[in-house]
Protein backbone atom coordinates (compact mmCIF):
# COMPACT_ATOMS: atom_id res chain seq x y z
CA MET A 1 -10.04 3.59 7.14
CA ASN A 2 -8.01 2.11 9.94
CA GLY A 3 -6.40 4.48 12.42
CA PRO A 4 -6.19 8.26 12.47
CA VAL A 5 -6.00 10.31 9.31
CA ALA A 6 -4.15 13.61 9.14
CA SER A 7 -6.29 16.73 8.74
CA THR A 8 -3.81 18.07 6.21
CA PRO A 9 -3.36 16.49 2.78
CA LEU A 10 -1.30 13.32 2.79
CA VAL A 11 1.88 13.69 0.75
CA GLY A 12 4.93 11.52 0.32
CA GLY A 13 7.77 10.47 -1.89
CA CYS A 14 10.86 8.41 -2.36
CA LEU A 15 14.11 8.29 -0.39
CA CYS A 16 16.06 10.61 -2.69
CA GLY A 17 13.22 13.12 -3.12
CA THR A 18 12.98 12.76 -6.89
CA VAL A 19 9.40 11.44 -6.82
CA ARG A 20 6.77 13.33 -4.84
CA TYR A 21 3.07 12.50 -4.67
CA ARG A 22 -0.11 13.56 -2.93
CA LEU A 23 -3.30 11.70 -2.15
CA ALA A 24 -6.50 13.38 -3.32
CA SER A 25 -8.69 11.22 -1.06
CA SER A 26 -8.43 9.48 2.28
CA PRO A 27 -6.88 6.01 2.07
CA THR A 28 -8.85 2.87 2.94
CA ASP A 29 -8.01 -0.75 3.68
CA ALA A 30 -4.70 -0.16 5.45
CA GLY A 31 -2.93 -3.39 6.28
CA TRP A 32 0.21 -5.47 6.36
CA CYS A 33 1.01 -7.81 3.45
CA HIS A 34 3.25 -10.82 4.13
CA CYS A 35 3.27 -12.23 0.57
CA ARG A 36 6.63 -13.21 -0.88
CA THR A 37 6.39 -10.53 -3.58
CA CYS A 38 5.98 -7.76 -0.98
CA GLN A 39 8.85 -9.22 1.04
CA LEU A 40 11.16 -9.10 -1.96
CA ASN A 41 9.88 -5.71 -3.12
CA SER A 42 10.37 -4.06 0.26
CA GLY A 43 13.31 -6.06 1.62
CA SER A 44 11.24 -6.55 4.79
CA PRO A 45 9.20 -9.39 6.30
CA ALA A 46 5.99 -7.47 5.49
CA MET A 47 4.90 -4.29 3.77
CA ALA A 48 2.39 -1.79 5.18
CA PHE A 49 0.01 -0.53 2.51
CA ALA A 50 -3.22 1.40 2.07
CA THR A 51 -5.57 1.82 -0.87
CA VAL A 52 -6.73 4.89 -2.82
CA PRO A 53 -8.53 5.30 -6.14
CA THR A 54 -5.90 5.17 -8.90
CA ASP A 55 -6.73 8.70 -10.03
CA ASP A 56 -6.22 9.97 -6.46
CA PHE A 57 -2.54 8.96 -6.31
CA ILE A 58 -1.20 12.12 -7.93
CA ILE A 59 2.44 12.37 -8.95
CA GLU A 60 3.50 15.99 -8.38
CA ASN A 61 7.21 15.66 -9.22
CA GLY A 62 9.41 13.06 -10.83
CA ALA A 63 6.94 11.25 -13.08
CA ASP A 64 9.77 10.59 -15.55
CA SER A 65 11.71 8.81 -12.79
CA ILE A 66 9.01 6.25 -12.02
CA GLY A 67 9.86 2.73 -13.08
CA ARG A 68 7.27 0.02 -13.54
CA ILE A 69 7.83 -3.71 -13.20
CA SER A 70 5.44 -6.64 -13.59
CA SER A 71 5.11 -8.36 -10.23
CA SER A 72 2.48 -10.92 -11.21
CA SER A 73 0.47 -11.95 -14.24
CA THR A 74 -1.83 -8.94 -13.71
CA GLY A 75 -0.01 -6.58 -11.34
CA GLU A 76 2.66 -3.96 -11.64
CA ARG A 77 4.71 -2.11 -9.08
CA TRP A 78 5.96 1.44 -9.33
CA PHE A 79 9.30 2.51 -7.89
CA CYS A 80 11.74 5.42 -8.11
CA ARG A 81 14.38 4.61 -10.71
CA ALA A 82 16.90 6.88 -8.96
CA CYS A 83 16.79 5.29 -5.48
CA GLY A 84 14.60 2.19 -5.79
CA THR A 85 11.93 3.19 -3.26
CA PRO A 86 8.81 1.05 -3.78
CA LEU A 87 5.82 3.37 -4.23
CA LEU A 88 2.71 1.39 -5.19
CA MET A 89 1.14 -1.72 -6.63
CA ARG A 90 -1.84 -1.91 -8.98
CA ASP A 91 -3.46 -4.15 -11.53
CA ARG A 92 -2.41 -3.24 -15.06
CA ASP A 93 -5.78 -3.78 -16.71
CA GLY A 94 -8.75 -1.71 -15.59
CA ALA A 95 -7.39 -0.80 -12.18
CA THR A 96 -9.64 1.55 -10.25
CA THR A 97 -7.53 1.48 -7.08
CA CYS A 98 -3.88 1.18 -6.15
CA ASP A 99 -2.09 0.12 -2.97
CA PHE A 100 0.68 2.48 -1.93
CA SER A 101 3.44 1.97 0.61
CA ILE A 102 2.43 3.73 3.85
CA ALA A 103 6.11 4.18 4.77
CA THR A 104 6.58 6.54 1.80
CA LEU A 105 4.26 9.14 3.35
CA ASP A 106 5.91 12.13 4.96
CA ARG A 107 3.77 11.32 8.01
CA PRO A 108 3.33 7.52 7.94
CA GLU A 109 1.94 7.61 11.48
CA ALA A 110 -1.23 9.17 9.99
CA ILE A 111 -2.37 5.72 8.84
CA THR A 112 -2.49 2.64 11.07
CA PRO A 113 -2.78 -0.83 9.50
CA GLY A 114 -5.81 -2.82 10.63
CA PHE A 115 -5.10 -6.39 9.43
CA HIS A 116 -2.50 -8.82 8.07
CA ILE A 117 -2.88 -10.64 4.72
CA PHE A 118 -0.96 -13.51 3.13
CA THR A 119 0.22 -14.74 6.51
CA ALA A 120 0.65 -18.20 4.97
CA SER A 121 3.78 -16.67 3.41
CA ARG A 122 4.95 -15.06 6.66
CA ILE A 123 8.63 -15.56 7.46
CA ALA A 124 8.69 -17.87 10.50
CA TRP A 125 10.80 -15.57 12.68
CA ALA A 126 8.66 -12.48 11.89
CA MET A 127 5.60 -12.95 14.09
CA PRO A 128 3.45 -9.80 14.29
CA GLY A 129 3.23 -8.54 17.84
CA ASP A 130 -0.34 -7.25 17.61
CA ASP A 131 -3.83 -8.72 17.79
CA LEU A 132 -4.99 -7.55 14.36
CA PRO A 133 -7.00 -9.99 12.23
CA ARG A 134 -4.83 -12.34 10.18
CA TYR A 135 -5.71 -13.92 6.84
CA PRO A 136 -3.73 -16.78 5.24
CA ARG A 137 -4.29 -15.20 1.82
CA GLY A 138 -6.70 -12.36 1.03
CA ARG A 139 -9.33 -11.09 3.43
CA SER A 140 -12.11 -12.75 1.42
CA GLU A 141 -10.80 -16.19 2.45
CA GLY A 142 -11.48 -15.85 6.19
CA SER A 143 -9.20 -15.20 9.13
CA GLU A 144 -6.89 -17.57 10.98
């Protein structure tokens, strides 16, 4: 885990409050994704995410309001149908983990990203102002 973790359970939800979730375990692999899909999904140059086991992302309210959209040949993204807040991304087939949007936590400061991925897709005017490791694609491909 990168950065501090809250001693209380981590909970979050969407902008309108329809969807509420809680994490049943501490997140891992917190980072920034600069891929084009995350840019379009979030409306931002990059999206901060962290990973939990799929079964540990527990929807407490608003399950009927969660929309799902294919974002790649294997991935899907969940969002609130009422307000559009992006909630998570996971592989459709056999997913054991999911990546959720750190910004949707009630206390997003509880998790600090520790790297940047897909920087080859970074928008030219959006240069990260930190010294975190940067990877042109995934972390398995080596840093810049």
